[in-house]
Amino acid sequence: MALGFVLIKVSPGKERKVYDALAALDEVEELYPLFGEYDLIAKVVVRSFEELSDVVVNKIRSIDGVIETKTLTGARF
């Protein structure tokens, strides 16, 4: 099991649209708005780090309004 916390910067005014799109992804287990350098943090749980990479690159970064991501990885015990 692979775990990623994805910090997400969003274009101004698109926060709700991006939040809703992220919340609809099966791999996103938790999602919270932030104040500061990043606008959202998503907890992503998948089977492998390869799948985590795929989710971040092909699903999260492809959402209209996402301008930057930073992923912190870990594993569940």
PDB file of N, CA and C in Angstrom:
ATOM      1  N   MET A   1       0.855  -1.175   0.000  1.00  0.00           N
ATOM      2  CA  MET A   1       0.000   0.000   0.000  1.00  0.00           C
ATOM      3  C   MET A   1       0.898   1.233   0.000  1.00  0.00           C
ATOM      4  N   ALA A   2       0.624   2.146  -0.903  1.00  0.00           N
ATOM      5  CA  ALA A   2       1.387   3.392  -0.988  1.00  0.00           C
ATOM      6  C   ALA A   2       0.488   4.561  -0.599  1.00  0.00           C
ATOM      7  N   LEU A   3       1.099   5.528   0.024  1.00  0.00           N
ATOM      8  CA  LEU A   3       0.376   6.683   0.544  1.00  0.00           C
ATOM      9  C   LEU A   3       1.069   7.948   0.075  1.00  0.00           C
ATOM     10  N   GLY A   4       0.297   8.907  -0.378  1.00  0.00           N
ATOM     11  CA  GLY A   4       0.861  10.183  -0.780  1.00  0.00           C
ATOM     12  C   GLY A   4       0.021  11.324  -0.261  1.00  0.00           C
ATOM     13  N   PHE A   5       0.687  12.352   0.222  1.00  0.00           N
ATOM     14  CA  PHE A   5       0.022  13.591   0.569  1.00  0.00           C
ATOM     15  C   PHE A   5       0.399  14.578  -0.520  1.00  0.00           C
ATOM     16  N   VAL A   6      -0.595  15.019  -1.278  1.00  0.00           N
ATOM     17  CA  VAL A   6      -0.338  15.873  -2.430  1.00  0.00           C
ATOM     18  C   VAL A   6      -0.758  17.298  -2.088  1.00  0.00           C
ATOM     19  N   LEU A   7       0.222  18.188  -2.065  1.00  0.00           N
ATOM     20  CA  LEU A   7      -0.021  19.617  -1.873  1.00  0.00           C
ATOM     21  C   LEU A   7      -0.307  20.217  -3.237  1.00  0.00           C
ATOM     22  N   ILE A   8      -1.364  21.023  -3.333  1.00  0.00           N
ATOM     23  CA  ILE A   8      -1.841  21.479  -4.634  1.00  0.00           C
ATOM     24  C   ILE A   8      -2.045  22.990  -4.633  1.00  0.00           C
ATOM     25  N   LYS A   9      -1.431  23.660  -5.633  1.00  0.00           N
ATOM     26  CA  LYS A   9      -1.681  25.081  -5.864  1.00  0.00           C
ATOM     27  C   LYS A   9      -2.731  25.181  -6.958  1.00  0.00           C
ATOM     28  N   VAL A  10      -3.673  26.106  -6.757  1.00  0.00           N
ATOM     29  CA  VAL A  10      -4.811  26.238  -7.662  1.00  0.00           C
ATOM     30  C   VAL A  10      -4.886  27.677  -8.178  1.00  0.00           C
ATOM     31  N   SER A  11      -5.313  27.821  -9.433  1.00  0.00           N
ATOM     32  CA  SER A  11      -5.535  29.151  -9.998  1.00  0.00           C
ATOM     33  C   SER A  11      -6.599  29.880  -9.182  1.00  0.00           C
ATOM     34  N   PRO A  12      -6.413  31.163  -8.940  1.00  0.00           N
ATOM     35  CA  PRO A  12      -7.398  31.930  -8.171  1.00  0.00           C
ATOM     36  C   PRO A  12      -8.802  31.805  -8.781  1.00  0.00           C
ATOM     37  N   GLY A  13      -9.769  31.577  -7.923  1.00  0.00           N
ATOM     38  CA  GLY A  13     -11.150  31.463  -8.352  1.00  0.00           C
ATOM     39  C   GLY A  13     -11.578  30.072  -8.766  1.00  0.00           C
ATOM     40  N   LYS A  14     -10.643  29.133  -8.832  1.00  0.00           N
ATOM     41  CA  LYS A  14     -10.984  27.772  -9.254  1.00  0.00           C
ATOM     42  C   LYS A  14     -10.894  26.759  -8.114  1.00  0.00           C
ATOM     43  N   GLU A  15     -10.784  27.250  -6.896  1.00  0.00           N
ATOM     44  CA  GLU A  15     -10.606  26.363  -5.751  1.00  0.00           C
ATOM     45  C   GLU A  15     -11.751  25.360  -5.597  1.00  0.00           C
ATOM     46  N   ARG A  16     -12.993  25.801  -5.683  1.00  0.00           N
ATOM     47  CA  ARG A  16     -14.138  24.907  -5.497  1.00  0.00           C
ATOM     48  C   ARG A  16     -14.214  23.879  -6.632  1.00  0.00           C
ATOM     49  N   LYS A  17     -13.979  24.297  -7.850  1.00  0.00           N
ATOM     50  CA  LYS A  17     -14.020  23.394  -9.001  1.00  0.00           C
ATOM     51  C   LYS A  17     -12.968  22.293  -8.856  1.00  0.00           C
ATOM     52  N   VAL A  18     -11.757  22.679  -8.474  1.00  0.00           N
ATOM     53  CA  VAL A  18     -10.679  21.700  -8.298  1.00  0.00           C
ATOM     54  C   VAL A  18     -10.990  20.795  -7.111  1.00  0.00           C
ATOM     55  N   TYR A  19     -11.477  21.361  -6.017  1.00  0.00           N
ATOM     56  CA  TYR A  19     -11.839  20.562  -4.838  1.00  0.00           C
ATOM     57  C   TYR A  19     -12.857  19.490  -5.220  1.00  0.00           C
ATOM     58  N   ASP A  20     -13.893  19.872  -5.932  1.00  0.00           N
ATOM     59  CA  ASP A  20     -14.934  18.921  -6.320  1.00  0.00           C
ATOM     60  C   ASP A  20     -14.397  17.826  -7.239  1.00  0.00           C
ATOM     61  N   ALA A  21     -13.514  18.194  -8.168  1.00  0.00           N
ATOM     62  CA  ALA A  21     -12.923  17.206  -9.077  1.00  0.00           C
ATOM     63  C   ALA A  21     -12.041  16.220  -8.312  1.00  0.00           C
ATOM     64  N   LEU A  22     -11.277  16.721  -7.357  1.00  0.00           N
ATOM     65  CA  LEU A  22     -10.425  15.844  -6.544  1.00  0.00           C
ATOM     66  C   LEU A  22     -11.263  14.928  -5.658  1.00  0.00           C
ATOM     67  N   ALA A  23     -12.316  15.458  -5.071  1.00  0.00           N
ATOM     68  CA  ALA A  23     -13.178  14.671  -4.192  1.00  0.00           C
ATOM     69  C   ALA A  23     -13.840  13.518  -4.945  1.00  0.00           C
ATOM     70  N   ALA A  24     -13.994  13.653  -6.248  1.00  0.00           N
ATOM     71  CA  ALA A  24     -14.619  12.615  -7.060  1.00  0.00           C
ATOM     72  C   ALA A  24     -13.667  11.473  -7.410  1.00  0.00           C
ATOM     73  N   LEU A  25     -12.370  11.644  -7.172  1.00  0.00           N
ATOM     74  CA  LEU A  25     -11.398  10.594  -7.486  1.00  0.00           C
ATOM     75  C   LEU A  25     -11.425   9.515  -6.409  1.00  0.00           C
ATOM     76  N   ASP A  26     -11.526   8.269  -6.820  1.00  0.00           N
ATOM     77  CA  ASP A  26     -11.563   7.145  -5.874  1.00  0.00           C
ATOM     78  C   ASP A  26     -10.300   7.064  -5.022  1.00  0.00           C
ATOM     79  N   GLU A  27      -9.178   7.451  -5.568  1.00  0.00           N
ATOM     80  CA  GLU A  27      -7.896   7.325  -4.870  1.00  0.00           C
ATOM     81  C   GLU A  27      -7.708   8.374  -3.773  1.00  0.00           C
ATOM     82  N   VAL A  28      -8.482   9.445  -3.809  1.00  0.00           N
ATOM     83  CA  VAL A  28      -8.377  10.507  -2.804  1.00  0.00           C
ATOM     84  C   VAL A  28      -9.206  10.104  -1.592  1.00  0.00           C
ATOM     85  N   GLU A  29      -8.503   9.781  -0.501  1.00  0.00           N
ATOM     86  CA  GLU A  29      -9.159   9.320   0.722  1.00  0.00           C
ATOM     87  C   GLU A  29      -9.596  10.478   1.614  1.00  0.00           C
ATOM     88  N   GLU A  30      -8.806  11.549   1.624  1.00  0.00           N
ATOM     89  CA  GLU A  30      -9.130  12.741   2.403  1.00  0.00           C
ATOM     90  C   GLU A  30      -8.689  13.957   1.608  1.00  0.00           C
ATOM     91  N   LEU A  31      -9.379  15.089   1.834  1.00  0.00           N
ATOM     92  CA  LEU A  31      -9.082  16.317   1.098  1.00  0.00           C
ATOM     93  C   LEU A  31      -9.413  17.513   1.985  1.00  0.00           C
ATOM     94  N   TYR A  32      -8.467  18.440   2.083  1.00  0.00           N
ATOM     95  CA  TYR A  32      -8.655  19.599   2.953  1.00  0.00           C
ATOM     96  C   TYR A  32      -8.174  20.878   2.274  1.00  0.00           C
ATOM     97  N   PRO A  33      -8.899  21.980   2.450  1.00  0.00           N
ATOM     98  CA  PRO A  33      -8.393  23.270   1.990  1.00  0.00           C
ATOM     99  C   PRO A  33      -7.306  23.767   2.950  1.00  0.00           C
ATOM    100  N   LEU A  34      -6.390  24.548   2.414  1.00  0.00           N
ATOM    101  CA  LEU A  34      -5.286  25.103   3.199  1.00  0.00           C
ATOM    102  C   LEU A  34      -5.223  26.608   2.996  1.00  0.00           C
ATOM    103  N   PHE A  35      -4.518  27.270   3.862  1.00  0.00           N
ATOM    104  CA  PHE A  35      -4.204  28.679   3.710  1.00  0.00           C
ATOM    105  C   PHE A  35      -2.688  28.788   3.678  1.00  0.00           C
ATOM    106  N   GLY A  36      -2.169  29.550   2.725  1.00  0.00           N
ATOM    107  CA  GLY A  36      -0.725  29.694   2.628  1.00  0.00           C
ATOM    108  C   GLY A  36      -0.236  29.382   1.232  1.00  0.00           C
ATOM    109  N   GLU A  37       0.942  28.793   1.155  1.00  0.00           N
ATOM    110  CA  GLU A  37       1.578  28.545  -0.144  1.00  0.00           C
ATOM    111  C   GLU A  37       0.762  27.602  -1.025  1.00  0.00           C
ATOM    112  N   TYR A  38       0.130  26.600  -0.434  1.00  0.00           N
ATOM    113  CA  TYR A  38      -0.706  25.655  -1.179  1.00  0.00           C
ATOM    114  C   TYR A  38      -2.160  25.848  -0.794  1.00  0.00           C
ATOM    115  N   ASP A  39      -3.046  25.483  -1.714  1.00  0.00           N
ATOM    116  CA  ASP A  39      -4.475  25.701  -1.513  1.00  0.00           C
ATOM    117  C   ASP A  39      -5.212  24.467  -1.007  1.00  0.00           C
ATOM    118  N   LEU A  40      -4.742  23.275  -1.370  1.00  0.00           N
ATOM    119  CA  LEU A  40      -5.397  22.027  -0.986  1.00  0.00           C
ATOM    120  C   LEU A  40      -4.351  20.979  -0.628  1.00  0.00           C
ATOM    121  N   ILE A  41      -4.748  20.024   0.216  1.00  0.00           N
ATOM    122  CA  ILE A  41      -3.924  18.843   0.453  1.00  0.00           C
ATOM    123  C   ILE A  41      -4.840  17.629   0.307  1.00  0.00           C
ATOM    124  N   ALA A  42      -4.363  16.669  -0.486  1.00  0.00           N
ATOM    125  CA  ALA A  42      -5.130  15.448  -0.735  1.00  0.00           C
ATOM    126  C   ALA A  42      -4.335  14.250  -0.229  1.00  0.00           C
ATOM    127  N   LYS A  43      -5.003  13.394   0.517  1.00  0.00           N
ATOM    128  CA  LYS A  43      -4.403  12.135   0.948  1.00  0.00           C
ATOM    129  C   LYS A  43      -4.803  11.088  -0.090  1.00  0.00           C
ATOM    130  N   VAL A  44      -3.808  10.551  -0.784  1.00  0.00           N
ATOM    131  CA  VAL A  44      -4.032   9.593  -1.857  1.00  0.00           C
ATOM    132  C   VAL A  44      -3.525   8.229  -1.403  1.00  0.00           C
ATOM    133  N   VAL A  45      -4.380   7.215  -1.490  1.00  0.00           N
ATOM    134  CA  VAL A  45      -4.016   5.851  -1.097  1.00  0.00           C
ATOM    135  C   VAL A  45      -4.187   4.942  -2.308  1.00  0.00           C
ATOM    136  N   VAL A  46      -3.093   4.263  -2.668  1.00  0.00           N
ATOM    137  CA  VAL A  46      -3.082   3.375  -3.828  1.00  0.00           C
ATOM    138  C   VAL A  46      -2.262   2.128  -3.506  1.00  0.00           C
ATOM    139  N   ARG A  47      -2.161   1.219  -4.472  1.00  0.00           N
ATOM    140  CA  ARG A  47      -1.440  -0.037  -4.234  1.00  0.00           C
ATOM    141  C   ARG A  47       0.072   0.065  -4.372  1.00  0.00           C
ATOM    142  N   SER A  48       0.561   1.019  -5.189  1.00  0.00           N
ATOM    143  CA  SER A  48       2.002   1.095  -5.439  1.00  0.00           C
ATOM    144  C   SER A  48       2.410   2.542  -5.701  1.00  0.00           C
ATOM    145  N   PHE A  49       3.709   2.790  -5.632  1.00  0.00           N
ATOM    146  CA  PHE A  49       4.205   4.131  -5.920  1.00  0.00           C
ATOM    147  C   PHE A  49       4.065   4.452  -7.402  1.00  0.00           C
ATOM    148  N   GLU A  50       4.089   3.439  -8.260  1.00  0.00           N
ATOM    149  CA  GLU A  50       3.857   3.650  -9.687  1.00  0.00           C
ATOM    150  C   GLU A  50       2.429   4.158  -9.908  1.00  0.00           C
ATOM    151  N   GLU A  51       1.477   3.564  -9.185  1.00  0.00           N
ATOM    152  CA  GLU A  51       0.087   4.011  -9.287  1.00  0.00           C
ATOM    153  C   GLU A  51      -0.069   5.419  -8.720  1.00  0.00           C
ATOM    154  N   LEU A  52       0.648   5.726  -7.646  1.00  0.00           N
ATOM    155  CA  LEU A  52       0.618   7.074  -7.079  1.00  0.00           C
ATOM    156  C   LEU A  52       1.102   8.086  -8.113  1.00  0.00           C
ATOM    157  N   SER A  53       2.187   7.770  -8.777  1.00  0.00           N
ATOM    158  CA  SER A  53       2.712   8.649  -9.821  1.00  0.00           C
ATOM    159  C   SER A  53       1.687   8.857 -10.921  1.00  0.00           C
ATOM    160  N   ASP A  54       1.021   7.788 -11.326  1.00  0.00           N
ATOM    161  CA  ASP A  54       0.000   7.874 -12.364  1.00  0.00           C
ATOM    162  C   ASP A  54      -1.157   8.771 -11.926  1.00  0.00           C
ATOM    163  N   VAL A  55      -1.608   8.621 -10.705  1.00  0.00           N
ATOM    164  CA  VAL A  55      -2.713   9.436 -10.195  1.00  0.00           C
ATOM    165  C   VAL A  55      -2.323  10.913 -10.184  1.00  0.00           C
ATOM    166  N   VAL A  56      -1.130  11.207  -9.689  1.00  0.00           N
ATOM    167  CA  VAL A  56      -0.704  12.609  -9.597  1.00  0.00           C
ATOM    168  C   VAL A  56      -0.543  13.210 -10.986  1.00  0.00           C
ATOM    169  N   VAL A  57       0.173  12.514 -11.854  1.00  0.00           N
ATOM    170  CA  VAL A  57       0.477  13.072 -13.178  1.00  0.00           C
ATOM    171  C   VAL A  57      -0.746  13.091 -14.093  1.00  0.00           C
ATOM    172  N   ASN A  58      -1.477  12.001 -14.161  1.00  0.00           N
ATOM    173  CA  ASN A  58      -2.544  11.880 -15.156  1.00  0.00           C
ATOM    174  C   ASN A  58      -3.937  12.256 -14.671  1.00  0.00           C
ATOM    175  N   LYS A  59      -4.149  12.269 -13.378  1.00  0.00           N
ATOM    176  CA  LYS A  59      -5.475  12.641 -12.873  1.00  0.00           C
ATOM    177  C   LYS A  59      -5.467  14.004 -12.194  1.00  0.00           C
ATOM    178  N   ILE A  60      -4.588  14.192 -11.208  1.00  0.00           N
ATOM    179  CA  ILE A  60      -4.610  15.442 -10.448  1.00  0.00           C
ATOM    180  C   ILE A  60      -4.085  16.609 -11.274  1.00  0.00           C
ATOM    181  N   ARG A  61      -2.932  16.448 -11.890  1.00  0.00           N
ATOM    182  CA  ARG A  61      -2.355  17.561 -12.655  1.00  0.00           C
ATOM    183  C   ARG A  61      -3.150  17.905 -13.903  1.00  0.00           C
ATOM    184  N   SER A  62      -3.995  16.996 -14.353  1.00  0.00           N
ATOM    185  CA  SER A  62      -4.799  17.268 -15.554  1.00  0.00           C
ATOM    186  C   SER A  62      -6.082  18.043 -15.244  1.00  0.00           C
ATOM    187  N   ILE A  63      -6.393  18.250 -13.973  1.00  0.00           N
ATOM    188  CA  ILE A  63      -7.591  19.003 -13.596  1.00  0.00           C
ATOM    189  C   ILE A  63      -7.379  20.481 -13.929  1.00  0.00           C
ATOM    190  N   ASP A  64      -8.340  21.044 -14.641  1.00  0.00           N
ATOM    191  CA  ASP A  64      -8.266  22.460 -14.991  1.00  0.00           C
ATOM    192  C   ASP A  64      -8.226  23.310 -13.721  1.00  0.00           C
ATOM    193  N   GLY A  65      -7.214  24.138 -13.606  1.00  0.00           N
ATOM    194  CA  GLY A  65      -7.056  24.997 -12.435  1.00  0.00           C
ATOM    195  C   GLY A  65      -5.898  24.587 -11.546  1.00  0.00           C
ATOM    196  N   VAL A  66      -5.418  23.352 -11.672  1.00  0.00           N
ATOM    197  CA  VAL A  66      -4.251  22.915 -10.908  1.00  0.00           C
ATOM    198  C   VAL A  66      -3.013  23.490 -11.581  1.00  0.00           C
ATOM    199  N   ILE A  67      -2.230  24.250 -10.827  1.00  0.00           N
ATOM    200  CA  ILE A  67      -1.044  24.864 -11.422  1.00  0.00           C
ATOM    201  C   ILE A  67       0.267  24.270 -10.907  1.00  0.00           C
ATOM    202  N   GLU A  68       0.213  23.585  -9.756  1.00  0.00           N
ATOM    203  CA  GLU A  68       1.439  22.978  -9.216  1.00  0.00           C
ATOM    204  C   GLU A  68       1.062  21.940  -8.166  1.00  0.00           C
ATOM    205  N   THR A  69       1.880  20.875  -8.106  1.00  0.00           N
ATOM    206  CA  THR A  69       1.705  19.893  -7.040  1.00  0.00           C
ATOM    207  C   THR A  69       3.058  19.570  -6.425  1.00  0.00           C
ATOM    208  N   LYS A  70       2.994  19.118  -5.189  1.00  0.00           N
ATOM    209  CA  LYS A  70       4.173  18.605  -4.484  1.00  0.00           C
ATOM    210  C   LYS A  70       3.686  17.385  -3.709  1.00  0.00           C
ATOM    211  N   THR A  71       4.351  16.248  -3.924  1.00  0.00           N
ATOM    212  CA  THR A  71       3.895  14.999  -3.318  1.00  0.00           C
ATOM    213  C   THR A  71       4.873  14.515  -2.273  1.00  0.00           C
ATOM    214  N   LEU A  72       4.347  14.226  -1.096  1.00  0.00           N
ATOM    215  CA  LEU A  72       5.112  13.625   0.001  1.00  0.00           C
ATOM    216  C   LEU A  72       4.653  12.172   0.071  1.00  0.00           C
ATOM    217  N   THR A  73       5.598  11.237   0.018  1.00  0.00           N
ATOM    218  CA  THR A  73       5.218   9.830  -0.040  1.00  0.00           C
ATOM    219  C   THR A  73       5.510   9.117   1.258  1.00  0.00           C
ATOM    220  N   GLY A  74       4.792   8.012   1.439  1.00  0.00           N
ATOM    221  CA  GLY A  74       4.977   7.172   2.614  1.00  0.00           C
ATOM    222  C   GLY A  74       4.320   5.837   2.365  1.00  0.00           C
ATOM    223  N   ALA A  75       4.264   5.027   3.377  1.00  0.00           N
ATOM    224  CA  ALA A  75       3.626   3.722   3.280  1.00  0.00           C
ATOM    225  C   ALA A  75       2.815   3.478   4.531  1.00  0.00           C
ATOM    226  N   ARG A  76       1.769   2.717   4.412  1.00  0.00           N
ATOM    227  CA  ARG A  76       0.973   2.350   5.580  1.00  0.00           C
ATOM    228  C   ARG A  76       1.607   1.150   6.255  1.00  0.00           C
ATOM    229  N   PHE A  77       1.565   1.116   7.571  1.00  0.00           N
ATOM    230  CA  PHE A  77       2.085  -0.011   8.321  1.00  0.00           C
ATOM    231  C   PHE A  77       1.010  -1.046   8.510  1.00  0.00           C
TER     232      PHE A  77
END
